[in-house]
Amino acid sequence: SLGVDDQVLPIVRLLTREAHLDALQHMLPALQYDVLVALAS
């Protein structure tokens, strides 16, 4: 509902720490990354 698509979602489900999310920052679409950061917080 927040725009995280089916290519990104399987990768998101593998994340265990915020540091791993940070490592994906420059690979992910900017707004999808913003969504993930907000939900992680």
Full PDB file with SEQRES, HELIX, SHEET, SSBOND, CRYST1, ORIGX, SCALE, CONECT and MASTER records, all heavy atoms in Angstrom:
SEQRES   1 A   41  SER LEU GLY VAL ASP ASP GLN VAL LEU PRO ILE VAL ARG          
SEQRES   2 A   41  LEU LEU THR ARG GLU ALA HIS LEU ASP ALA LEU GLN HIS          
SEQRES   3 A   41  MET LEU PRO ALA LEU GLN TYR ASP VAL LEU VAL ALA LEU          
SEQRES   4 A   41  ALA SER                                                      
HELIX    1 AA1 LEU A    9  VAL A   12  1                                   4    
HELIX    2 AA2 GLU A   18  ALA A   23  1                                   6    
HELIX    3 AA3 ALA A   30  ALA A   40  1                                  11    
CRYST1    1.000    1.000    1.000  90.00  90.00  90.00 P 1           1          
ORIGX1      1.000000  0.000000  0.000000        0.00000                         
ORIGX2      0.000000  1.000000  0.000000        0.00000                         
ORIGX3      0.000000  0.000000  1.000000        0.00000                         
SCALE1      1.000000  0.000000  0.000000        0.00000                         
SCALE2      0.000000  1.000000  0.000000        0.00000                         
SCALE3      0.000000  0.000000  1.000000        0.00000                         
ATOM      1  N   SER A   1       0.824  -1.214   0.000  1.00  0.00           N  
ATOM      2  CA  SER A   1       0.000   0.000   0.000  1.00  0.00           C  
ATOM      3  C   SER A   1       0.856   1.263   0.000  1.00  0.00           C  
ATOM      4  O   SER A   1       0.388   2.334  -0.377  1.00  0.00           O  
ATOM      5  CB  SER A   1      -0.925   0.011   1.222  1.00  0.00           C  
ATOM      6  OG  SER A   1      -0.194   0.248   2.423  1.00  0.00           O  
ATOM      7  N   LEU A   2       2.119   1.122   0.415  1.00  0.00           N  
ATOM      8  CA  LEU A   2       3.033   2.256   0.460  1.00  0.00           C  
ATOM      9  C   LEU A   2       4.000   2.271  -0.722  1.00  0.00           C  
ATOM     10  O   LEU A   2       4.943   3.060  -0.745  1.00  0.00           O  
ATOM     11  CB  LEU A   2       3.823   2.227   1.778  1.00  0.00           C  
ATOM     12  CG  LEU A   2       2.985   2.469   3.039  1.00  0.00           C  
ATOM     13  CD1 LEU A   2       3.795   2.142   4.290  1.00  0.00           C  
ATOM     14  CD2 LEU A   2       2.500   3.908   3.089  1.00  0.00           C  
ATOM     15  N   GLY A   3       3.762   1.373  -1.681  1.00  0.00           N  
ATOM     16  CA  GLY A   3       4.548   1.419  -2.911  1.00  0.00           C  
ATOM     17  C   GLY A   3       5.754   0.516  -2.952  1.00  0.00           C  
ATOM     18  O   GLY A   3       6.531   0.578  -3.911  1.00  0.00           O  
ATOM     19  N   VAL A   4       5.977  -0.331  -1.937  1.00  0.00           N  
ATOM     20  CA  VAL A   4       7.085  -1.288  -1.978  1.00  0.00           C  
ATOM     21  C   VAL A   4       6.687  -2.402  -2.931  1.00  0.00           C  
ATOM     22  O   VAL A   4       5.683  -3.081  -2.717  1.00  0.00           O  
ATOM     23  CB  VAL A   4       7.401  -1.848  -0.582  1.00  0.00           C  
ATOM     24  CG1 VAL A   4       8.516  -2.882  -0.657  1.00  0.00           C  
ATOM     25  CG2 VAL A   4       7.787  -0.719   0.356  1.00  0.00           C  
ATOM     26  N   ASP A   5       7.471  -2.592  -4.005  1.00  0.00           N  
ATOM     27  CA  ASP A   5       7.028  -3.482  -5.078  1.00  0.00           C  
ATOM     28  C   ASP A   5       7.534  -4.906  -4.897  1.00  0.00           C  
ATOM     29  O   ASP A   5       8.284  -5.216  -3.968  1.00  0.00           O  
ATOM     30  CB  ASP A   5       7.419  -2.917  -6.441  1.00  0.00           C  
ATOM     31  CG  ASP A   5       8.931  -2.742  -6.594  1.00  0.00           C  
ATOM     32  OD1 ASP A   5       9.682  -3.646  -6.194  1.00  0.00           O  
ATOM     33  OD2 ASP A   5       9.357  -1.693  -7.122  1.00  0.00           O  
ATOM     34  N   ASP A   6       7.139  -5.764  -5.830  1.00  0.00           N  
ATOM     35  CA  ASP A   6       7.410  -7.198  -5.683  1.00  0.00           C  
ATOM     36  C   ASP A   6       8.864  -7.568  -5.946  1.00  0.00           C  
ATOM     37  O   ASP A   6       9.269  -8.690  -5.638  1.00  0.00           O  
ATOM     38  CB  ASP A   6       6.498  -7.991  -6.630  1.00  0.00           C  
ATOM     39  CG  ASP A   6       5.051  -7.989  -6.162  1.00  0.00           C  
ATOM     40  OD1 ASP A   6       4.832  -7.734  -4.955  1.00  0.00           O  
ATOM     41  OD2 ASP A   6       4.147  -8.220  -6.985  1.00  0.00           O  
ATOM     42  N   GLN A   7       9.658  -6.664  -6.510  1.00  0.00           N  
ATOM     43  CA  GLN A   7      11.090  -6.946  -6.626  1.00  0.00           C  
ATOM     44  C   GLN A   7      11.803  -6.633  -5.320  1.00  0.00           C  
ATOM     45  O   GLN A   7      12.727  -7.333  -4.910  1.00  0.00           O  
ATOM     46  CB  GLN A   7      11.726  -6.133  -7.749  1.00  0.00           C  
ATOM     47  CG  GLN A   7      13.219  -6.455  -7.899  1.00  0.00           C  
ATOM     48  CD  GLN A   7      13.949  -5.506  -8.835  1.00  0.00           C  
ATOM     49  OE1 GLN A   7      13.415  -4.476  -9.216  1.00  0.00           O  
ATOM     50  NE2 GLN A   7      15.168  -5.856  -9.201  1.00  0.00           N  
ATOM     51  N   VAL A   8      11.361  -5.592  -4.634  1.00  0.00           N  
ATOM     52  CA  VAL A   8      12.016  -5.159  -3.403  1.00  0.00           C  
ATOM     53  C   VAL A   8      11.537  -5.960  -2.198  1.00  0.00           C  
ATOM     54  O   VAL A   8      12.324  -6.258  -1.291  1.00  0.00           O  
ATOM     55  CB  VAL A   8      11.761  -3.646  -3.184  1.00  0.00           C  
ATOM     56  CG1 VAL A   8      12.262  -3.194  -1.811  1.00  0.00           C  
ATOM     57  CG2 VAL A   8      12.428  -2.829  -4.279  1.00  0.00           C  
ATOM     58  N   LEU A   9      10.257  -6.327  -2.173  1.00  0.00           N  
ATOM     59  CA  LEU A   9       9.682  -6.962  -0.978  1.00  0.00           C  
ATOM     60  C   LEU A   9      10.415  -8.231  -0.537  1.00  0.00           C  
ATOM     61  O   LEU A   9      10.683  -8.403   0.663  1.00  0.00           O  
ATOM     62  CB  LEU A   9       8.198  -7.252  -1.222  1.00  0.00           C  
ATOM     63  CG  LEU A   9       7.405  -7.775  -0.022  1.00  0.00           C  
ATOM     64  CD1 LEU A   9       7.566  -6.858   1.182  1.00  0.00           C  
ATOM     65  CD2 LEU A   9       5.929  -7.928  -0.379  1.00  0.00           C  
ATOM     66  N   PRO A  10      10.779  -9.153  -1.441  1.00  0.00           N  
ATOM     67  CA  PRO A  10      11.512 -10.343  -0.978  1.00  0.00           C  
ATOM     68  C   PRO A  10      12.840 -10.002  -0.302  1.00  0.00           C  
ATOM     69  O   PRO A  10      13.256 -10.678   0.649  1.00  0.00           O  
ATOM     70  CB  PRO A  10      11.733 -11.141  -2.273  1.00  0.00           C  
ATOM     71  CG  PRO A  10      10.669 -10.673  -3.201  1.00  0.00           C  
ATOM     72  CD  PRO A  10      10.479  -9.225  -2.891  1.00  0.00           C  
ATOM     73  N   ILE A  11      13.508  -8.959  -0.789  1.00  0.00           N  
ATOM     74  CA  ILE A  11      14.773  -8.542  -0.169  1.00  0.00           C  
ATOM     75  C   ILE A  11      14.507  -7.943   1.204  1.00  0.00           C  
ATOM     76  O   ILE A  11      15.241  -8.194   2.164  1.00  0.00           O  
ATOM     77  CB  ILE A  11      15.492  -7.532  -1.084  1.00  0.00           C  
ATOM     78  CG1 ILE A  11      15.861  -8.194  -2.406  1.00  0.00           C  
ATOM     79  CG2 ILE A  11      16.737  -6.959  -0.403  1.00  0.00           C  
ATOM     80  CD1 ILE A  11      16.451  -7.256  -3.427  1.00  0.00           C  
ATOM     81  N   VAL A  12      13.447  -7.155   1.316  1.00  0.00           N  
ATOM     82  CA  VAL A  12      13.080  -6.535   2.593  1.00  0.00           C  
ATOM     83  C   VAL A  12      12.834  -7.597   3.658  1.00  0.00           C  
ATOM     84  O   VAL A  12      13.230  -7.435   4.821  1.00  0.00           O  
ATOM     85  CB  VAL A  12      11.833  -5.652   2.408  1.00  0.00           C  
ATOM     86  CG1 VAL A  12      11.268  -5.213   3.753  1.00  0.00           C  
ATOM     87  CG2 VAL A  12      12.154  -4.447   1.546  1.00  0.00           C  
ATOM     88  N   ARG A  13      12.227  -8.688   3.265  1.00  0.00           N  
ATOM     89  CA  ARG A  13      11.902  -9.748   4.224  1.00  0.00           C  
ATOM     90  C   ARG A  13      13.145 -10.481   4.734  1.00  0.00           C  
ATOM     91  O   ARG A  13      13.070 -11.223   5.719  1.00  0.00           O  
ATOM     92  CB  ARG A  13      10.931 -10.749   3.589  1.00  0.00           C  
ATOM     93  CG  ARG A  13       9.517 -10.230   3.438  1.00  0.00           C  
ATOM     94  CD  ARG A  13       8.943  -9.845   4.769  1.00  0.00           C  
ATOM     95  NE  ARG A  13       7.554  -9.386   4.707  1.00  0.00           N  
ATOM     96  CZ  ARG A  13       6.942  -8.748   5.687  1.00  0.00           C  
ATOM     97  NH1 ARG A  13       7.607  -8.488   6.817  1.00  0.00           N  
ATOM     98  NH2 ARG A  13       5.699  -8.367   5.572  1.00  0.00           N  
ATOM     99  N   LEU A  14      14.285 -10.260   4.085  1.00  0.00           N  
ATOM    100  CA  LEU A  14      15.531 -10.889   4.540  1.00  0.00           C  
ATOM    101  C   LEU A  14      16.296 -10.025   5.536  1.00  0.00           C  
ATOM    102  O   LEU A  14      17.242 -10.509   6.169  1.00  0.00           O  
ATOM    103  CB  LEU A  14      16.440 -11.183   3.343  1.00  0.00           C  
ATOM    104  CG  LEU A  14      15.925 -12.187   2.307  1.00  0.00           C  
ATOM    105  CD1 LEU A  14      16.900 -12.269   1.139  1.00  0.00           C  
ATOM    106  CD2 LEU A  14      15.730 -13.567   2.936  1.00  0.00           C  
ATOM    107  N   LEU A  15      15.908  -8.765   5.674  1.00  0.00           N  
ATOM    108  CA  LEU A  15      16.674  -7.843   6.518  1.00  0.00           C  
ATOM    109  C   LEU A  15      16.515  -8.185   7.996  1.00  0.00           C  
ATOM    110  O   LEU A  15      15.402  -8.414   8.486  1.00  0.00           O  
ATOM    111  CB  LEU A  15      16.223  -6.406   6.269  1.00  0.00           C  
ATOM    112  CG  LEU A  15      16.412  -5.879   4.839  1.00  0.00           C  
ATOM    113  CD1 LEU A  15      15.844  -4.474   4.709  1.00  0.00           C  
ATOM    114  CD2 LEU A  15      17.891  -5.882   4.466  1.00  0.00           C  
ATOM    115  N   THR A  16      17.645  -8.186   8.708  1.00  0.00           N  
ATOM    116  CA  THR A  16      17.625  -8.465  10.146  1.00  0.00           C  
ATOM    117  C   THR A  16      18.041  -7.272  10.995  1.00  0.00           C  
ATOM    118  O   THR A  16      17.753  -7.218  12.180  1.00  0.00           O  
ATOM    119  CB  THR A  16      18.566  -9.649  10.475  1.00  0.00           C  
ATOM    120  OG1 THR A  16      19.893  -9.320  10.041  1.00  0.00           O  
ATOM    121  CG2 THR A  16      18.090 -10.919   9.779  1.00  0.00           C  
ATOM    122  N   ARG A  17      18.755  -6.314  10.401  1.00  0.00           N  
ATOM    123  CA  ARG A  17      19.224  -5.145  11.155  1.00  0.00           C  
ATOM    124  C   ARG A  17      19.103  -3.889  10.297  1.00  0.00           C  
ATOM    125  O   ARG A  17      19.112  -3.953   9.071  1.00  0.00           O  
ATOM    126  CB  ARG A  17      20.696  -5.325  11.571  1.00  0.00           C  
ATOM    127  CG  ARG A  17      20.941  -6.481  12.532  1.00  0.00           C  
ATOM    128  CD  ARG A  17      22.367  -6.467  13.052  1.00  0.00           C  
ATOM    129  NE  ARG A  17      23.343  -6.687  11.985  1.00  0.00           N  
ATOM    130  CZ  ARG A  17      24.467  -5.995  11.839  1.00  0.00           C  
ATOM    131  NH1 ARG A  17      24.748  -5.001  12.670  1.00  0.00           N  
ATOM    132  NH2 ARG A  17      25.312  -6.259  10.865  1.00  0.00           N  
ATOM    133  N   GLU A  18      19.013  -2.727  10.968  1.00  0.00           N  
ATOM    134  CA  GLU A  18      18.946  -1.466  10.240  1.00  0.00           C  
ATOM    135  C   GLU A  18      20.219  -1.218   9.436  1.00  0.00           C  
ATOM    136  O   GLU A  18      20.182  -0.546   8.405  1.00  0.00           O  
ATOM    137  CB  GLU A  18      18.699  -0.296  11.202  1.00  0.00           C  
ATOM    138  CG  GLU A  18      17.270  -0.213  11.707  1.00  0.00           C  
ATOM    139  CD  GLU A  18      16.969   1.116  12.372  1.00  0.00           C  
ATOM    140  OE1 GLU A  18      17.410   2.156  11.845  1.00  0.00           O  
ATOM    141  OE2 GLU A  18      16.290   1.113  13.414  1.00  0.00           O  
ATOM    142  N   ALA A  19      21.337  -1.745   9.907  1.00  0.00           N  
ATOM    143  CA  ALA A  19      22.596  -1.576   9.168  1.00  0.00           C  
ATOM    144  C   ALA A  19      22.497  -2.203   7.779  1.00  0.00           C  
ATOM    145  O   ALA A  19      23.076  -1.700   6.812  1.00  0.00           O  
ATOM    146  CB  ALA A  19      23.752  -2.196   9.947  1.00  0.00           C  
ATOM    147  N   HIS A  20      21.765  -3.318   7.666  1.00  0.00           N  
ATOM    148  CA  HIS A  20      21.574  -3.947   6.365  1.00  0.00           C  
ATOM    149  C   HIS A  20      20.708  -3.075   5.463  1.00  0.00           C  
ATOM    150  O   HIS A  20      20.942  -2.983   4.252  1.00  0.00           O  
ATOM    151  CB  HIS A  20      20.930  -5.324   6.541  1.00  0.00           C  
ATOM    152  CG  HIS A  20      21.798  -6.303   7.262  1.00  0.00           C  
ATOM    153  ND1 HIS A  20      21.316  -7.467   7.822  1.00  0.00           N  
ATOM    154  CD2 HIS A  20      23.131  -6.281   7.542  1.00  0.00           C  
ATOM    155  CE1 HIS A  20      22.304  -8.117   8.400  1.00  0.00           C  
ATOM    156  NE2 HIS A  20      23.418  -7.422   8.247  1.00  0.00           N  
ATOM    157  N   LEU A  21      19.721  -2.435   6.054  1.00  0.00           N  
ATOM    158  CA  LEU A  21      18.894  -1.501   5.282  1.00  0.00           C  
ATOM    159  C   LEU A  21      19.732  -0.328   4.791  1.00  0.00           C  
ATOM    160  O   LEU A  21      19.609   0.100   3.633  1.00  0.00           O  
ATOM    161  CB  LEU A  21      17.729  -1.004   6.144  1.00  0.00           C  
ATOM    162  CG  LEU A  21      16.843   0.089   5.539  1.00  0.00           C  
ATOM    163  CD1 LEU A  21      16.230  -0.367   4.225  1.00  0.00           C  
ATOM    164  CD2 LEU A  21      15.745   0.489   6.532  1.00  0.00           C  
ATOM    165  N   ASP A  22      20.599   0.185   5.652  1.00  0.00           N  
ATOM    166  CA  ASP A  22      21.474   1.292   5.255  1.00  0.00           C  
ATOM    167  C   ASP A  22      22.349   0.902   4.060  1.00  0.00           C  
ATOM    168  O   ASP A  22      22.616   1.717   3.172  1.00  0.00           O  
ATOM    169  CB  ASP A  22      22.365   1.718   6.418  1.00  0.00           C  
ATOM    170  CG  ASP A  22      21.575   2.375   7.546  1.00  0.00           C  
ATOM    171  OD1 ASP A  22      20.441   2.806   7.290  1.00  0.00           O  
ATOM    172  OD2 ASP A  22      22.094   2.444   8.672  1.00  0.00           O  
ATOM    173  N   ALA A  23      22.790  -0.352   4.046  1.00  0.00           N  
ATOM    174  CA  ALA A  23      23.661  -0.813   2.961  1.00  0.00           C  
ATOM    175  C   ALA A  23      22.939  -0.832   1.614  1.00  0.00           C  
ATOM    176  O   ALA A  23      23.571  -0.761   0.556  1.00  0.00           O  
ATOM    177  CB  ALA A  23      24.191  -2.209   3.281  1.00  0.00           C  
ATOM    178  N   LEU A  24      21.611  -0.901   1.646  1.00  0.00           N  
ATOM    179  CA  LEU A  24      20.822  -0.943   0.412  1.00  0.00           C  
ATOM    180  C   LEU A  24      20.420   0.441  -0.078  1.00  0.00           C  
ATOM    181  O   LEU A  24      19.785   0.569  -1.129  1.00  0.00           O  
ATOM    182  CB  LEU A  24      19.552  -1.765   0.631  1.00  0.00           C  
ATOM    183  CG  LEU A  24      19.718  -3.240   1.001  1.00  0.00           C  
ATOM    184  CD1 LEU A  24      18.356  -3.878   1.223  1.00  0.00           C  
ATOM    185  CD2 LEU A  24      20.479  -3.990  -0.078  1.00  0.00           C  
ATOM    186  N   GLN A  25      20.787   1.470   0.651  1.00  0.00           N  
ATOM    187  CA  GLN A  25      20.264   2.813   0.395  1.00  0.00           C  
ATOM    188  C   GLN A  25      20.427   3.249  -1.053  1.00  0.00           C  
ATOM    189  O   GLN A  25      19.487   3.753  -1.675  1.00  0.00           O  
ATOM    190  CB  GLN A  25      20.961   3.817   1.308  1.00  0.00           C  
ATOM    191  CG  GLN A  25      20.562   5.253   1.058  1.00  0.00           C  
ATOM    192  CD  GLN A  25      21.288   6.209   1.974  1.00  0.00           C  
ATOM    193  OE1 GLN A  25      21.578   5.870   3.112  1.00  0.00           O  
ATOM    194  NE2 GLN A  25      21.596   7.387   1.493  1.00  0.00           N  
ATOM    195  N   HIS A  26      21.619   3.082  -1.625  1.00  0.00           N  
ATOM    196  CA  HIS A  26      21.882   3.583  -2.969  1.00  0.00           C  
ATOM    197  C   HIS A  26      21.447   2.597  -4.057  1.00  0.00           C  
ATOM    198  O   HIS A  26      21.575   2.903  -5.241  1.00  0.00           O  
ATOM    199  CB  HIS A  26      23.360   3.919  -3.123  1.00  0.00           C  
ATOM    200  CG  HIS A  26      23.826   4.969  -2.166  1.00  0.00           C  
ATOM    201  ND1 HIS A  26      23.376   6.266  -2.213  1.00  0.00           N  
ATOM    202  CD2 HIS A  26      24.678   4.908  -1.102  1.00  0.00           C  
ATOM    203  CE1 HIS A  26      23.928   6.970  -1.246  1.00  0.00           C  
ATOM    204  NE2 HIS A  26      24.721   6.167  -0.560  1.00  0.00           N  
ATOM    205  N   MET A  27      20.922   1.460  -3.659  1.00  0.00           N  
ATOM    206  CA  MET A  27      20.426   0.480  -4.636  1.00  0.00           C  
ATOM    207  C   MET A  27      18.917   0.577  -4.814  1.00  0.00           C  
ATOM    208  O   MET A  27      18.384   0.258  -5.866  1.00  0.00           O  
ATOM    209  CB  MET A  27      20.793  -0.941  -4.182  1.00  0.00           C  
ATOM    210  CG  MET A  27      22.260  -1.161  -3.892  1.00  0.00           C  
ATOM    211  SD  MET A  27      22.542  -2.821  -3.235  1.00  0.00           S  
ATOM    212  CE  MET A  27      24.109  -2.584  -2.385  1.00  0.00           C  
ATOM    213  N   LEU A  28      18.210   0.997  -3.769  1.00  0.00           N  
ATOM    214  CA  LEU A  28      16.753   1.019  -3.772  1.00  0.00           C  
ATOM    215  C   LEU A  28      16.206   2.309  -4.363  1.00  0.00           C  
ATOM    216  O   LEU A  28      16.857   3.355  -4.301  1.00  0.00           O  
ATOM    217  CB  LEU A  28      16.233   0.886  -2.341  1.00  0.00           C  
ATOM    218  CG  LEU A  28      16.457  -0.450  -1.635  1.00  0.00           C  
ATOM    219  CD1 LEU A  28      16.105  -0.320  -0.156  1.00  0.00           C  
ATOM    220  CD2 LEU A  28      15.620  -1.545  -2.285  1.00  0.00           C  
ATOM    221  N   PRO A  29      14.988   2.275  -4.926  1.00  0.00           N  
ATOM    222  CA  PRO A  29      14.315   3.521  -5.283  1.00  0.00           C  
ATOM    223  C   PRO A  29      14.186   4.416  -4.058  1.00  0.00           C  
ATOM    224  O   PRO A  29      13.890   3.931  -2.955  1.00  0.00           O  
ATOM    225  CB  PRO A  29      12.944   3.045  -5.782  1.00  0.00           C  
ATOM    226  CG  PRO A  29      13.162   1.624  -6.222  1.00  0.00           C  
ATOM    227  CD  PRO A  29      14.197   1.080  -5.282  1.00  0.00           C  
ATOM    228  N   ALA A  30      14.387   5.712  -4.239  1.00  0.00           N  
ATOM    229  CA  ALA A  30      14.505   6.632  -3.106  1.00  0.00           C  
ATOM    230  C   ALA A  30      13.277   6.618  -2.209  1.00  0.00           C  
ATOM    231  O   ALA A  30      13.390   6.543  -0.973  1.00  0.00           O  
ATOM    232  CB  ALA A  30      14.770   8.041  -3.622  1.00  0.00           C  
ATOM    233  N   LEU A  31      12.072   6.704  -2.787  1.00  0.00           N  
ATOM    234  CA  LEU A  31      10.875   6.759  -1.948  1.00  0.00           C  
ATOM    235  C   LEU A  31      10.604   5.426  -1.259  1.00  0.00           C  
ATOM    236  O   LEU A  31      10.100   5.397  -0.139  1.00  0.00           O  
ATOM    237  CB  LEU A  31       9.664   7.189  -2.778  1.00  0.00           C  
ATOM    238  CG  LEU A  31       9.611   8.678  -3.129  1.00  0.00           C  
ATOM    239  CD1 LEU A  31       8.368   9.007  -3.939  1.00  0.00           C  
ATOM    240  CD2 LEU A  31       9.647   9.541  -1.877  1.00  0.00           C  
ATOM    241  N   GLN A  32      10.929   4.311  -1.905  1.00  0.00           N  
ATOM    242  CA  GLN A  32      10.767   3.018  -1.233  1.00  0.00           C  
ATOM    243  C   GLN A  32      11.735   2.911  -0.056  1.00  0.00           C  
ATOM    244  O   GLN A  32      11.379   2.371   1.001  1.00  0.00           O  
ATOM    245  CB  GLN A  32      10.978   1.873  -2.220  1.00  0.00           C  
ATOM    246  CG  GLN A  32       9.879   1.771  -3.280  1.00  0.00           C  
ATOM    247  CD  GLN A  32       9.894   0.448  -4.015  1.00  0.00           C  
ATOM    248  OE1 GLN A  32      10.014  -0.613  -3.398  1.00  0.00           O  
ATOM    249  NE2 GLN A  32       9.772   0.492  -5.340  1.00  0.00           N  
ATOM    250  N   TYR A  33      12.942   3.421  -0.235  1.00  0.00           N  
ATOM    251  CA  TYR A  33      13.891   3.436   0.886  1.00  0.00           C  
ATOM    252  C   TYR A  33      13.354   4.289   2.027  1.00  0.00           C  
ATOM    253  O   TYR A  33      13.430   3.899   3.198  1.00  0.00           O  
ATOM    254  CB  TYR A  33      15.242   3.968   0.419  1.00  0.00           C  
ATOM    255  CG  TYR A  33      16.252   4.130   1.540  1.00  0.00           C  
ATOM    256  CD1 TYR A  33      16.901   3.030   2.086  1.00  0.00           C  
ATOM    257  CD2 TYR A  33      16.532   5.391   2.070  1.00  0.00           C  
ATOM    258  CE1 TYR A  33      17.818   3.173   3.121  1.00  0.00           C  
ATOM    259  CE2 TYR A  33      17.445   5.544   3.102  1.00  0.00           C  
ATOM    260  CZ  TYR A  33      18.083   4.430   3.621  1.00  0.00           C  
ATOM    261  OH  TYR A  33      18.976   4.579   4.652  1.00  0.00           O  
ATOM    262  N   ASP A  34      12.775   5.460   1.704  1.00  0.00           N  
ATOM    263  CA  ASP A  34      12.200   6.321   2.742  1.00  0.00           C  
ATOM    264  C   ASP A  34      11.084   5.600   3.497  1.00  0.00           C  
ATOM    265  O   ASP A  34      10.949   5.736   4.717  1.00  0.00           O  
ATOM    266  CB  ASP A  34      11.656   7.610   2.123  1.00  0.00           C  
ATOM    267  CG  ASP A  34      12.757   8.542   1.645  1.00  0.00           C  
ATOM    268  OD1 ASP A  34      13.916   8.341   2.057  1.00  0.00           O  
ATOM    269  OD2 ASP A  34      12.459   9.470   0.864  1.00  0.00           O  
ATOM    270  N   VAL A  35      10.269   4.845   2.775  1.00  0.00           N  
ATOM    271  CA  VAL A  35       9.198   4.065   3.412  1.00  0.00           C  
ATOM    272  C   VAL A  35       9.793   3.068   4.403  1.00  0.00           C  
ATOM    273  O   VAL A  35       9.341   2.937   5.547  1.00  0.00           O  
ATOM    274  CB  VAL A  35       8.367   3.327   2.340  1.00  0.00           C  
ATOM    275  CG1 VAL A  35       7.492   2.248   2.988  1.00  0.00           C  
ATOM    276  CG2 VAL A  35       7.496   4.309   1.583  1.00  0.00           C  
ATOM    277  N   LEU A  36      10.830   2.363   3.977  1.00  0.00           N  
ATOM    278  CA  LEU A  36      11.439   1.338   4.835  1.00  0.00           C  
ATOM    279  C   LEU A  36      12.093   1.953   6.068  1.00  0.00           C  
ATOM    280  O   LEU A  36      12.000   1.401   7.173  1.00  0.00           O  
ATOM    281  CB  LEU A  36      12.466   0.541   4.027  1.00  0.00           C  
ATOM    282  CG  LEU A  36      11.885  -0.253   2.840  1.00  0.00           C  
ATOM    283  CD1 LEU A  36      13.005  -0.876   2.029  1.00  0.00           C  
ATOM    284  CD2 LEU A  36      10.907  -1.312   3.324  1.00  0.00           C  
ATOM    285  N   VAL A  37      12.746   3.097   5.894  1.00  0.00           N  
ATOM    286  CA  VAL A  37      13.364   3.771   7.032  1.00  0.00           C  
ATOM    287  C   VAL A  37      12.298   4.177   8.051  1.00  0.00           C  
ATOM    288  O   VAL A  37      12.466   4.003   9.261  1.00  0.00           O  
ATOM    289  CB  VAL A  37      14.156   5.012   6.565  1.00  0.00           C  
ATOM    290  CG1 VAL A  37      14.543   5.895   7.751  1.00  0.00           C  
ATOM    291  CG2 VAL A  37      15.406   4.585   5.818  1.00  0.00           C  
ATOM    292  N   ALA A  38      11.186   4.725   7.558  1.00  0.00           N  
ATOM    293  CA  ALA A  38      10.113   5.152   8.459  1.00  0.00           C  
ATOM    294  C   ALA A  38       9.523   3.968   9.223  1.00  0.00           C  
ATOM    295  O   ALA A  38       9.330   4.023  10.444  1.00  0.00           O  
ATOM    296  CB  ALA A  38       9.025   5.869   7.663  1.00  0.00           C  
ATOM    297  N   LEU A  39       9.257   2.874   8.518  1.00  0.00           N  
ATOM    298  CA  LEU A  39       8.687   1.696   9.179  1.00  0.00           C  
ATOM    299  C   LEU A  39       9.677   1.074  10.156  1.00  0.00           C  
ATOM    300  O   LEU A  39       9.294   0.603  11.233  1.00  0.00           O  
ATOM    301  CB  LEU A  39       8.258   0.671   8.130  1.00  0.00           C  
ATOM    302  CG  LEU A  39       7.093   1.094   7.217  1.00  0.00           C  
ATOM    303  CD1 LEU A  39       6.898   0.076   6.105  1.00  0.00           C  
ATOM    304  CD2 LEU A  39       5.809   1.252   8.020  1.00  0.00           C  
ATOM    305  N   ALA A  40      10.964   1.076   9.806  1.00  0.00           N  
ATOM    306  CA  ALA A  40      11.986   0.519  10.699  1.00  0.00           C  
ATOM    307  C   ALA A  40      12.112   1.327  11.981  1.00  0.00           C  
ATOM    308  O   ALA A  40      12.474   0.789  13.039  1.00  0.00           O  
ATOM    309  CB  ALA A  40      13.333   0.461   9.988  1.00  0.00           C  
ATOM    310  N   SER A  41      11.807   2.630  11.911  1.00  0.00           N  
ATOM    311  CA  SER A  41      11.899   3.481  13.098  1.00  0.00           C  
ATOM    312  C   SER A  41      10.679   3.364  13.998  1.00  0.00           C  
ATOM    313  O   SER A  41      10.625   4.011  15.046  1.00  0.00           O  
ATOM    314  CB  SER A  41      12.082   4.941  12.677  1.00  0.00           C  
ATOM    315  OG  SER A  41      10.901   5.441  12.065  1.00  0.00           O  
TER     316      SER A  41                                                      
MASTER        0    0    0    3    0    0    0    6  315    1    0    4          
END                                                                             
